[in-house]
Amino acid sequence: YHFVLVPLKLSYLNTIVFILVIAALVQFVEMFLKKTIPSLYEALGV
């Protein structure tokens, strides 16, 4: 928000961008834990 959306004057897109960022972040964290720390990945489960 502070370094991309505000300088480009796209702050009105913050809701859409945040949804995409959170979804991508969760998927990235899931893949990262599955590859590197499978025990923690299985503990978190669904």
All heavy atoms as atom14 arrays in JSON, in Angstrom:
{
  "sequence": "YHFVLVPLKLSYLNTIVFILVIAALVQFVEMFLKKTIPSLYEALGV",
  "atom14_mask": [
    [1, 1, 1, 1, 1, 1, 1, 1, 1, 1, 1, 1, 0, 0],
    [1, 1, 1, 1, 1, 1, 1, 1, 1, 1, 0, 0, 0, 0],
    [1, 1, 1, 1, 1, 1, 1, 1, 1, 1, 1, 0, 0, 0],
    [1, 1, 1, 1, 1, 1, 1, 0, 0, 0, 0, 0, 0, 0],
    [1, 1, 1, 1, 1, 1, 1, 1, 0, 0, 0, 0, 0, 0],
    [1, 1, 1, 1, 1, 1, 1, 0, 0, 0, 0, 0, 0, 0],
    [1, 1, 1, 1, 1, 1, 1, 0, 0, 0, 0, 0, 0, 0],
    [1, 1, 1, 1, 1, 1, 1, 1, 0, 0, 0, 0, 0, 0],
    [1, 1, 1, 1, 1, 1, 1, 1, 1, 0, 0, 0, 0, 0],
    [1, 1, 1, 1, 1, 1, 1, 1, 0, 0, 0, 0, 0, 0],
    [1, 1, 1, 1, 1, 1, 0, 0, 0, 0, 0, 0, 0, 0],
    [1, 1, 1, 1, 1, 1, 1, 1, 1, 1, 1, 1, 0, 0],
    [1, 1, 1, 1, 1, 1, 1, 1, 0, 0, 0, 0, 0, 0],
    [1, 1, 1, 1, 1, 1, 1, 1, 0, 0, 0, 0, 0, 0],
    [1, 1, 1, 1, 1, 1, 1, 0, 0, 0, 0, 0, 0, 0],
    [1, 1, 1, 1, 1, 1, 1, 1, 0, 0, 0, 0, 0, 0],
    [1, 1, 1, 1, 1, 1, 1, 0, 0, 0, 0, 0, 0, 0],
    [1, 1, 1, 1, 1, 1, 1, 1, 1, 1, 1, 0, 0, 0],
    [1, 1, 1, 1, 1, 1, 1, 1, 0, 0, 0, 0, 0, 0],
    [1, 1, 1, 1, 1, 1, 1, 1, 0, 0, 0, 0, 0, 0],
    [1, 1, 1, 1, 1, 1, 1, 0, 0, 0, 0, 0, 0, 0],
    [1, 1, 1, 1, 1, 1, 1, 1, 0, 0, 0, 0, 0, 0],
    [1, 1, 1, 1, 1, 0, 0, 0, 0, 0, 0, 0, 0, 0],
    [1, 1, 1, 1, 1, 0, 0, 0, 0, 0, 0, 0, 0, 0],
    [1, 1, 1, 1, 1, 1, 1, 1, 0, 0, 0, 0, 0, 0],
    [1, 1, 1, 1, 1, 1, 1, 0, 0, 0, 0, 0, 0, 0],
    [1, 1, 1, 1, 1, 1, 1, 1, 1, 0, 0, 0, 0, 0],
    [1, 1, 1, 1, 1, 1, 1, 1, 1, 1, 1, 0, 0, 0],
    [1, 1, 1, 1, 1, 1, 1, 0, 0, 0, 0, 0, 0, 0],
    [1, 1, 1, 1, 1, 1, 1, 1, 1, 0, 0, 0, 0, 0],
    [1, 1, 1, 1, 1, 1, 1, 1, 0, 0, 0, 0, 0, 0],
    [1, 1, 1, 1, 1, 1, 1, 1, 1, 1, 1, 0, 0, 0],
    [1, 1, 1, 1, 1, 1, 1, 1, 0, 0, 0, 0, 0, 0],
    [1, 1, 1, 1, 1, 1, 1, 1, 1, 0, 0, 0, 0, 0],
    [1, 1, 1, 1, 1, 1, 1, 1, 1, 0, 0, 0, 0, 0],
    [1, 1, 1, 1, 1, 1, 1, 0, 0, 0, 0, 0, 0, 0],
    [1, 1, 1, 1, 1, 1, 1, 1, 0, 0, 0, 0, 0, 0],
    [1, 1, 1, 1, 1, 1, 1, 0, 0, 0, 0, 0, 0, 0],
    [1, 1, 1, 1, 1, 1, 0, 0, 0, 0, 0, 0, 0, 0],
    [1, 1, 1, 1, 1, 1, 1, 1, 0, 0, 0, 0, 0, 0],
    [1, 1, 1, 1, 1, 1, 1, 1, 1, 1, 1, 1, 0, 0],
    [1, 1, 1, 1, 1, 1, 1, 1, 1, 0, 0, 0, 0, 0],
    [1, 1, 1, 1, 1, 0, 0, 0, 0, 0, 0, 0, 0, 0],
    [1, 1, 1, 1, 1, 1, 1, 1, 0, 0, 0, 0, 0, 0],
    [1, 1, 1, 1, 0, 0, 0, 0, 0, 0, 0, 0, 0, 0],
    [1, 1, 1, 1, 1, 1, 1, 0, 0, 0, 0, 0, 0, 0]
  ],
  "atom14_positions": [
    [[0.83, -1.21, 0.0], [0.0, 0.0, 0.0], [0.87, 1.26, 0.0], [0.62, 2.19, -0.78], [-0.93, -0.01, 1.22], [-1.82, 1.22, 1.31], [-2.96, 1.31, 0.52], [-1.49, 2.27, 2.14], [-3.78, 2.44, 0.59], [-2.3, 3.39, 2.23], [-3.44, 3.48, 1.45], [-4.25, 4.59, 1.52], [0.0, 0.0, 0.0], [0.0, 0.0, 0.0]],
    [[1.87, 1.31, 0.86], [2.66, 2.52, 1.0], [3.66, 2.73, -0.13], [3.97, 3.89, -0.48], [3.42, 2.5, 2.34], [2.53, 2.75, 3.53], [1.98, 1.73, 4.27], [2.08, 3.92, 4.09], [1.25, 2.26, 5.25], [1.3, 3.56, 5.16], [0.0, 0.0, 0.0], [0.0, 0.0, 0.0], [0.0, 0.0, 0.0], [0.0, 0.0, 0.0]],
    [[4.18, 1.64, -0.71], [5.25, 1.78, -1.71], [4.8, 1.49, -3.14], [5.57, 1.74, -4.07], [6.42, 0.87, -1.36], [7.13, 1.26, -0.09], [6.88, 0.6, 1.1], [8.02, 2.32, -0.08], [7.52, 0.96, 2.27], [8.67, 2.7, 1.08], [8.42, 2.02, 2.27], [0.0, 0.0, 0.0], [0.0, 0.0, 0.0], [0.0, 0.0, 0.0]],
    [[3.59, 0.98, -3.32], [3.11, 0.68, -4.68], [1.81, 1.42, -4.99], [1.72, 2.18, -5.95], [2.92, -0.84, -4.88], [2.37, -1.13, -6.28], [4.23, -1.58, -4.67], [0.0, 0.0, 0.0], [0.0, 0.0, 0.0], [0.0, 0.0, 0.0], [0.0, 0.0, 0.0], [0.0, 0.0, 0.0], [0.0, 0.0, 0.0], [0.0, 0.0, 0.0]],
    [[0.79, 1.19, -4.18], [-0.53, 1.75, -4.49], [-0.58, 3.27, -4.32], [-1.13, 3.97, -5.17], [-1.6, 1.1, -3.61], [-1.81, -0.4, -3.8], [-2.92, -0.91, -2.89], [-2.14, -0.73, -5.24], [0.0, 0.0, 0.0], [0.0, 0.0, 0.0], [0.0, 0.0, 0.0], [0.0, 0.0, 0.0], [0.0, 0.0, 0.0], [0.0, 0.0, 0.0]],
    [[-0.03, 3.78, -3.23], [-0.07, 5.23, -3.0], [0.77, 6.0, -4.02], [0.29, 6.99, -4.6], [0.36, 5.55, -1.55], [0.51, 7.05, -1.35], [-0.65, 4.99, -0.55], [0.0, 0.0, 0.0], [0.0, 0.0, 0.0], [0.0, 0.0, 0.0], [0.0, 0.0, 0.0], [0.0, 0.0, 0.0], [0.0, 0.0, 0.0], [0.0, 0.0, 0.0]],
    [[2.02, 5.6, -4.3], [2.79, 6.34, -5.32], [2.15, 6.31, -6.7], [2.24, 7.29, -7.46], [4.15, 5.63, -5.33], [4.27, 5.02, -3.98], [2.88, 4.6, -3.62], [0.0, 0.0, 0.0], [0.0, 0.0, 0.0], [0.0, 0.0, 0.0], [0.0, 0.0, 0.0], [0.0, 0.0, 0.0], [0.0, 0.0, 0.0], [0.0, 0.0, 0.0]],
    [[1.48, 5.19, -7.05], [0.84, 5.09, -8.36], [-0.59, 5.62, -8.35], [-1.29, 5.53, -9.37], [0.84, 3.63, -8.83], [2.21, 3.0, -9.07], [2.07, 1.53, -9.45], [2.97, 3.76, -10.15], [0.0, 0.0, 0.0], [0.0, 0.0, 0.0], [0.0, 0.0, 0.0], [0.0, 0.0, 0.0], [0.0, 0.0, 0.0], [0.0, 0.0, 0.0]],
    [[-1.03, 6.14, -7.2], [-2.4, 6.67, -7.04], [-3.46, 5.62, -7.37], [-4.45, 5.89, -8.05], [-2.59, 7.91, -7.92], [-1.68, 9.06, -7.53], [-1.92, 10.28, -8.4], [-0.98, 11.43, -8.0], [-1.18, 12.64, -8.82], [0.0, 0.0, 0.0], [0.0, 0.0, 0.0], [0.0, 0.0, 0.0], [0.0, 0.0, 0.0], [0.0, 0.0, 0.0]],
    [[-3.22, 4.4, -6.87], [-4.15, 3.29, -7.05], [-4.7, 2.79, -5.72], [-5.05, 1.62, -5.59], [-3.45, 2.13, -7.78], [-2.94, 2.43, -9.21], [-2.15, 1.25, -9.73], [-4.11, 2.75, -10.14], [0.0, 0.0, 0.0], [0.0, 0.0, 0.0], [0.0, 0.0, 0.0], [0.0, 0.0, 0.0], [0.0, 0.0, 0.0], [0.0, 0.0, 0.0]],
    [[-4.77, 3.67, -4.76], [-5.22, 3.25, -3.42], [-6.67, 2.76, -3.41], [-7.06, 2.04, -2.5], [-5.05, 4.39, -2.43], [-5.78, 5.54, -2.85], [0.0, 0.0, 0.0], [0.0, 0.0, 0.0], [0.0, 0.0, 0.0], [0.0, 0.0, 0.0], [0.0, 0.0, 0.0], [0.0, 0.0, 0.0], [0.0, 0.0, 0.0], [0.0, 0.0, 0.0]],
    [[-7.46, 3.16, -4.39], [-8.85, 2.69, -4.45], [-8.95, 1.2, -4.78], [-10.02, 0.6, -4.65], [-9.65, 3.5, -5.49], [-9.09, 3.44, -6.9], [-9.51, 2.46, -7.8], [-8.14, 4.35, -7.33], [-9.01, 2.4, -9.08], [-7.63, 4.3, -8.61], [-8.06, 3.32, -9.49], [-7.55, 3.26, -10.76], [0.0, 0.0, 0.0], [0.0, 0.0, 0.0]],
    [[-7.84, 0.61, -5.22], [-7.82, -0.83, -5.52], [-7.31, -1.66, -4.33], [-7.02, -2.84, -4.51], [-6.92, -1.09, -6.73], [-7.37, -0.52, -8.07], [-6.31, -0.77, -9.14], [-8.7, -1.13, -8.49], [0.0, 0.0, 0.0], [0.0, 0.0, 0.0], [0.0, 0.0, 0.0], [0.0, 0.0, 0.0], [0.0, 0.0, 0.0], [0.0, 0.0, 0.0]],
    [[-7.22, -1.04, -3.16], [-6.59, -1.75, -2.04], [-7.34, -3.02, -1.64], [-6.73, -4.02, -1.3], [-6.43, -0.81, -0.83], [-7.76, -0.23, -0.37], [-8.81, -0.52, -0.93], [-7.7, 0.61, 0.65], [0.0, 0.0, 0.0], [0.0, 0.0, 0.0], [0.0, 0.0, 0.0], [0.0, 0.0, 0.0], [0.0, 0.0, 0.0], [0.0, 0.0, 0.0]],
    [[-8.68, -3.01, -1.69], [-9.43, -4.21, -1.3], [-9.14, -5.39, -2.21], [-8.84, -6.5, -1.76], [-10.95, -3.92, -1.29], [-11.22, -2.84, -0.39], [-11.73, -5.16, -0.85], [0.0, 0.0, 0.0], [0.0, 0.0, 0.0], [0.0, 0.0, 0.0], [0.0, 0.0, 0.0], [0.0, 0.0, 0.0], [0.0, 0.0, 0.0], [0.0, 0.0, 0.0]],
    [[-9.19, -5.15, -3.52], [-8.93, -6.23, -4.49], [-7.49, -6.72, -4.37], [-7.23, -7.93, -4.37], [-9.22, -5.74, -5.92], [-10.7, -5.37, -6.06], [-8.85, -6.8, -6.95], [-11.06, -4.76, -7.39], [0.0, 0.0, 0.0], [0.0, 0.0, 0.0], [0.0, 0.0, 0.0], [0.0, 0.0, 0.0], [0.0, 0.0, 0.0], [0.0, 0.0, 0.0]],
    [[-6.57, -5.78, -4.27], [-5.16, -6.16, -4.17], [-4.9, -6.93, -2.88], [-4.17, -7.95, -2.89], [-4.27, -4.9, -4.24], [-2.81, -5.26, -3.96], [-4.39, -4.24, -5.61], [0.0, 0.0, 0.0], [0.0, 0.0, 0.0], [0.0, 0.0, 0.0], [0.0, 0.0, 0.0], [0.0, 0.0, 0.0], [0.0, 0.0, 0.0], [0.0, 0.0, 0.0]],
    [[-5.5, -6.51, -1.77], [-5.28, -7.2, -0.5], [-5.83, -8.62, -0.54], [-5.22, -9.54, 0.01], [-5.92, -6.41, 0.63], [-5.2, -5.15, 0.99], [-4.05, -4.77, 0.31], [-5.66, -4.31, 2.0], [-3.36, -3.6, 0.63], [-4.99, -3.15, 2.33], [-3.85, -2.79, 1.64], [0.0, 0.0, 0.0], [0.0, 0.0, 0.0], [0.0, 0.0, 0.0]],
    [[-6.99, -8.81, -1.18], [-7.56, -10.16, -1.29], [-6.61, -11.07, -2.06], [-6.34, -12.21, -1.67], [-8.95, -10.11, -1.96], [-9.96, -9.44, -1.04], [-9.42, -11.52, -2.33], [-11.32, -9.22, -1.68], [0.0, 0.0, 0.0], [0.0, 0.0, 0.0], [0.0, 0.0, 0.0], [0.0, 0.0, 0.0], [0.0, 0.0, 0.0], [0.0, 0.0, 0.0]],
    [[-6.1, -10.57, -3.18], [-5.17, -11.36, -3.98], [-3.88, -11.65, -3.23], [-3.34, -12.76, -3.29], [-4.87, -10.63, -5.3], [-6.05, -10.44, -6.25], [-5.63, -9.61, -7.45], [-6.6, -11.79, -6.7], [0.0, 0.0, 0.0], [0.0, 0.0, 0.0], [0.0, 0.0, 0.0], [0.0, 0.0, 0.0], [0.0, 0.0, 0.0], [0.0, 0.0, 0.0]],
    [[-3.39, -10.64, -2.51], [-2.15, -10.82, -1.75], [-2.33, -11.86, -0.65], [-1.48, -12.75, -0.47], [-1.7, -9.47, -1.15], [-0.61, -9.69, -0.1], [-1.2, -8.55, -2.25], [0.0, 0.0, 0.0], [0.0, 0.0, 0.0], [0.0, 0.0, 0.0], [0.0, 0.0, 0.0], [0.0, 0.0, 0.0], [0.0, 0.0, 0.0], [0.0, 0.0, 0.0]],
    [[-3.45, -11.81, 0.09], [-3.69, -12.77, 1.18], [-3.85, -14.17, 0.63], [-3.28, -15.13, 1.18], [-4.93, -12.34, 1.99], [-4.64, -11.04, 2.76], [-5.35, -13.44, 2.95], [-5.86, -10.42, 3.38], [0.0, 0.0, 0.0], [0.0, 0.0, 0.0], [0.0, 0.0, 0.0], [0.0, 0.0, 0.0], [0.0, 0.0, 0.0], [0.0, 0.0, 0.0]],
    [[-4.61, -14.32, -0.46], [-4.78, -15.66, -1.06], [-3.45, -16.21, -1.55], [-3.13, -17.39, -1.32], [-5.79, -15.58, -2.2], [0.0, 0.0, 0.0], [0.0, 0.0, 0.0], [0.0, 0.0, 0.0], [0.0, 0.0, 0.0], [0.0, 0.0, 0.0], [0.0, 0.0, 0.0], [0.0, 0.0, 0.0], [0.0, 0.0, 0.0], [0.0, 0.0, 0.0]],
    [[-2.67, -15.37, -2.23], [-1.36, -15.82, -2.72], [-0.42, -16.13, -1.57], [0.35, -17.1, -1.62], [-0.75, -14.76, -3.64], [0.0, 0.0, 0.0], [0.0, 0.0, 0.0], [0.0, 0.0, 0.0], [0.0, 0.0, 0.0], [0.0, 0.0, 0.0], [0.0, 0.0, 0.0], [0.0, 0.0, 0.0], [0.0, 0.0, 0.0], [0.0, 0.0, 0.0]],
    [[-0.48, -15.31, -0.53], [0.39, -15.52, 0.63], [0.08, -16.84, 1.32], [0.99, -17.6, 1.68], [0.24, -14.37, 1.61], [1.06, -14.44, 2.89], [2.55, -14.44, 2.58], [0.72, -13.26, 3.81], [0.0, 0.0, 0.0], [0.0, 0.0, 0.0], [0.0, 0.0, 0.0], [0.0, 0.0, 0.0], [0.0, 0.0, 0.0], [0.0, 0.0, 0.0]],
    [[-1.2, -17.14, 1.49], [-1.58, -18.41, 2.14], [-1.12, -19.59, 1.3], [-0.6, -20.59, 1.83], [-3.1, -18.45, 2.38], [-3.53, -19.84, 2.84], [-3.51, -17.42, 3.42], [0.0, 0.0, 0.0], [0.0, 0.0, 0.0], [0.0, 0.0, 0.0], [0.0, 0.0, 0.0], [0.0, 0.0, 0.0], [0.0, 0.0, 0.0], [0.0, 0.0, 0.0]],
    [[-1.29, -19.51, -0.01], [-0.85, -20.59, -0.88], [0.67, -20.74, -0.86], [1.19, -21.87, -0.83], [-1.31, -20.32, -2.32], [-2.81, -20.4, -2.51], [-3.36, -21.78, -2.21], [-2.76, -22.81, -2.56], [-4.49, -21.83, -1.53], [0.0, 0.0, 0.0], [0.0, 0.0, 0.0], [0.0, 0.0, 0.0], [0.0, 0.0, 0.0], [0.0, 0.0, 0.0]],
    [[1.38, -19.62, -0.84], [2.85, -19.68, -0.78], [3.32, -20.3, 0.53], [4.22, -21.15, 0.55], [3.42, -18.28, -0.94], [4.91, -18.21, -0.74], [5.79, -18.66, -1.71], [5.44, -17.72, 0.45], [7.16, -18.61, -1.52], [6.81, -17.67, 0.66], [7.67, -18.11, -0.33], [0.0, 0.0, 0.0], [0.0, 0.0, 0.0], [0.0, 0.0, 0.0]],
    [[2.72, -19.86, 1.64], [3.08, -20.41, 2.95], [2.79, -21.9, 3.0], [3.58, -22.69, 3.54], [2.35, -19.65, 4.07], [2.55, -20.35, 5.4], [2.85, -18.22, 4.16], [0.0, 0.0, 0.0], [0.0, 0.0, 0.0], [0.0, 0.0, 0.0], [0.0, 0.0, 0.0], [0.0, 0.0, 0.0], [0.0, 0.0, 0.0], [0.0, 0.0, 0.0]],
    [[1.65, -22.29, 2.43], [1.3, -23.72, 2.42], [2.31, -24.55, 1.65], [2.76, -25.61, 2.12], [-0.1, -23.89, 1.81], [-0.63, -25.31, 1.86], [-2.03, -25.42, 1.3], [-2.57, -24.39, 0.85], [-2.59, -26.54, 1.31], [0.0, 0.0, 0.0], [0.0, 0.0, 0.0], [0.0, 0.0, 0.0], [0.0, 0.0, 0.0], [0.0, 0.0, 0.0]],
    [[2.7, -24.08, 0.47], [3.69, -24.82, -0.33], [5.06, -24.82, 0.35], [5.76, -25.84, 0.33], [3.78, -24.2, -1.72], [2.56, -24.4, -2.59], [2.78, -23.83, -4.29], [3.0, -22.06, -4.01], [0.0, 0.0, 0.0], [0.0, 0.0, 0.0], [0.0, 0.0, 0.0], [0.0, 0.0, 0.0], [0.0, 0.0, 0.0], [0.0, 0.0, 0.0]],
    [[5.43, -23.69, 0.96], [6.73, -23.59, 1.63], [6.81, -24.57, 2.8], [7.81, -25.29, 2.97], [6.95, -22.16, 2.11], [8.22, -21.98, 2.89], [9.45, -21.89, 2.24], [8.19, -21.91, 4.27], [10.62, -21.72, 2.96], [9.36, -21.74, 5.0], [10.58, -21.65, 4.34], [0.0, 0.0, 0.0], [0.0, 0.0, 0.0], [0.0, 0.0, 0.0]],
    [[5.75, -24.61, 3.63], [5.76, -25.51, 4.77], [5.72, -26.98, 4.32], [6.34, -27.84, 4.95], [4.57, -25.21, 5.68], [4.59, -23.87, 6.43], [3.33, -23.7, 7.25], [5.82, -23.77, 7.32], [0.0, 0.0, 0.0], [0.0, 0.0, 0.0], [0.0, 0.0, 0.0], [0.0, 0.0, 0.0], [0.0, 0.0, 0.0], [0.0, 0.0, 0.0]],
    [[5.0, -27.25, 3.25], [4.9, -28.62, 2.76], [6.26, -29.14, 2.28], [6.58, -30.32, 2.45], [3.88, -28.7, 1.62], [3.55, -30.11, 1.17], [2.45, -30.11, 0.12], [2.1, -31.53, -0.29], [1.01, -31.53, -1.31], [0.0, 0.0, 0.0], [0.0, 0.0, 0.0], [0.0, 0.0, 0.0], [0.0, 0.0, 0.0], [0.0, 0.0, 0.0]],
    [[7.08, -28.26, 1.71], [8.38, -28.66, 1.2], [9.46, -28.68, 2.27], [10.31, -29.56, 2.3], [8.81, -27.72, 0.06], [7.97, -27.84, -1.2], [8.22, -29.15, -1.91], [7.47, -29.2, -3.23], [7.68, -30.49, -3.94], [0.0, 0.0, 0.0], [0.0, 0.0, 0.0], [0.0, 0.0, 0.0], [0.0, 0.0, 0.0], [0.0, 0.0, 0.0]],
    [[9.44, -27.69, 3.15], [10.54, -27.53, 4.1], [10.25, -28.1, 5.49], [11.14, -28.69, 6.12], [10.91, -26.04, 4.24], [9.75, -25.31, 4.67], [11.37, -25.48, 2.9], [0.0, 0.0, 0.0], [0.0, 0.0, 0.0], [0.0, 0.0, 0.0], [0.0, 0.0, 0.0], [0.0, 0.0, 0.0], [0.0, 0.0, 0.0], [0.0, 0.0, 0.0]],
    [[9.04, -27.89, 5.99], [8.69, -28.36, 7.35], [7.4, -29.18, 7.26], [6.31, -28.71, 7.62], [8.5, -27.18, 8.33], [9.61, -26.15, 8.16], [8.48, -27.67, 9.78], [9.43, -24.92, 9.01], [0.0, 0.0, 0.0], [0.0, 0.0, 0.0], [0.0, 0.0, 0.0], [0.0, 0.0, 0.0], [0.0, 0.0, 0.0], [0.0, 0.0, 0.0]],
    [[7.47, -30.4, 6.76], [6.25, -31.2, 6.59], [5.53, -31.51, 7.91], [4.31, -31.67, 7.92], [6.76, -32.49, 5.92], [8.22, -32.52, 6.2], [8.66, -31.1, 6.3], [0.0, 0.0, 0.0], [0.0, 0.0, 0.0], [0.0, 0.0, 0.0], [0.0, 0.0, 0.0], [0.0, 0.0, 0.0], [0.0, 0.0, 0.0], [0.0, 0.0, 0.0]],
    [[6.28, -31.6, 9.0], [5.62, -31.88, 10.28], [4.7, -30.74, 10.69], [3.57, -30.96, 11.15], [6.68, -32.12, 11.37], [7.52, -30.98, 11.52], [0.0, 0.0, 0.0], [0.0, 0.0, 0.0], [0.0, 0.0, 0.0], [0.0, 0.0, 0.0], [0.0, 0.0, 0.0], [0.0, 0.0, 0.0], [0.0, 0.0, 0.0], [0.0, 0.0, 0.0]],
    [[5.15, -29.5, 10.52], [4.31, -28.34, 10.83], [3.15, -28.25, 9.86], [2.02, -27.89, 10.25], [5.14, -27.06, 10.78], [4.41, -25.75, 11.09], [3.79, -25.8, 12.47], [5.35, -24.57, 10.97], [0.0, 0.0, 0.0], [0.0, 0.0, 0.0], [0.0, 0.0, 0.0], [0.0, 0.0, 0.0], [0.0, 0.0, 0.0], [0.0, 0.0, 0.0]],
    [[3.39, -28.57, 8.6], [2.32, -28.55, 7.6], [1.22, -29.54, 7.95], [0.02, -29.22, 7.86], [2.91, -28.86, 6.22], [1.88, -29.04, 5.14], [1.29, -27.93, 4.54], [1.5, -30.32, 4.72], [0.34, -28.1, 3.54], [0.55, -30.48, 3.72], [-0.03, -29.37, 3.13], [-0.97, -29.53, 2.15], [0.0, 0.0, 0.0], [0.0, 0.0, 0.0]],
    [[1.61, -30.74, 8.37], [0.61, -31.73, 8.76], [-0.09, -31.35, 10.05], [-1.27, -31.66, 10.24], [1.28, -33.1, 8.91], [1.79, -33.68, 7.6], [2.49, -35.01, 7.8], [2.56, -35.47, 8.96], [2.96, -35.59, 6.81], [0.0, 0.0, 0.0], [0.0, 0.0, 0.0], [0.0, 0.0, 0.0], [0.0, 0.0, 0.0], [0.0, 0.0, 0.0]],
    [[0.61, -30.67, 10.95], [-0.02, -30.25, 12.2], [-1.1, -29.2, 11.95], [-2.16, -29.23, 12.57], [1.04, -29.69, 13.15], [0.0, 0.0, 0.0], [0.0, 0.0, 0.0], [0.0, 0.0, 0.0], [0.0, 0.0, 0.0], [0.0, 0.0, 0.0], [0.0, 0.0, 0.0], [0.0, 0.0, 0.0], [0.0, 0.0, 0.0], [0.0, 0.0, 0.0]],
    [[-0.84, -28.26, 11.02], [-1.85, -27.25, 10.7], [-3.0, -27.85, 9.91], [-4.15, -27.46, 10.1], [-1.2, -26.11, 9.91], [-0.19, -25.27, 10.69], [0.44, -24.23, 9.75], [-0.83, -24.58, 11.87], [0.0, 0.0, 0.0], [0.0, 0.0, 0.0], [0.0, 0.0, 0.0], [0.0, 0.0, 0.0], [0.0, 0.0, 0.0], [0.0, 0.0, 0.0]],
    [[-2.69, -28.79, 9.03], [-3.74, -29.5, 8.3], [-4.61, -28.58, 7.47], [-4.14, -27.69, 6.76], [0.0, 0.0, 0.0], [0.0, 0.0, 0.0], [0.0, 0.0, 0.0], [0.0, 0.0, 0.0], [0.0, 0.0, 0.0], [0.0, 0.0, 0.0], [0.0, 0.0, 0.0], [0.0, 0.0, 0.0], [0.0, 0.0, 0.0], [0.0, 0.0, 0.0]],
    [[-5.92, -28.77, 7.59], [-6.88, -28.03, 6.77], [-7.03, -26.59, 7.22], [-7.57, -25.76, 6.49], [-8.24, -28.75, 6.81], [-8.9, -28.58, 8.18], [-9.18, -28.24, 5.71], [0.0, 0.0, 0.0], [0.0, 0.0, 0.0], [0.0, 0.0, 0.0], [0.0, 0.0, 0.0], [0.0, 0.0, 0.0], [0.0, 0.0, 0.0], [0.0, 0.0, 0.0]]
  ]
}
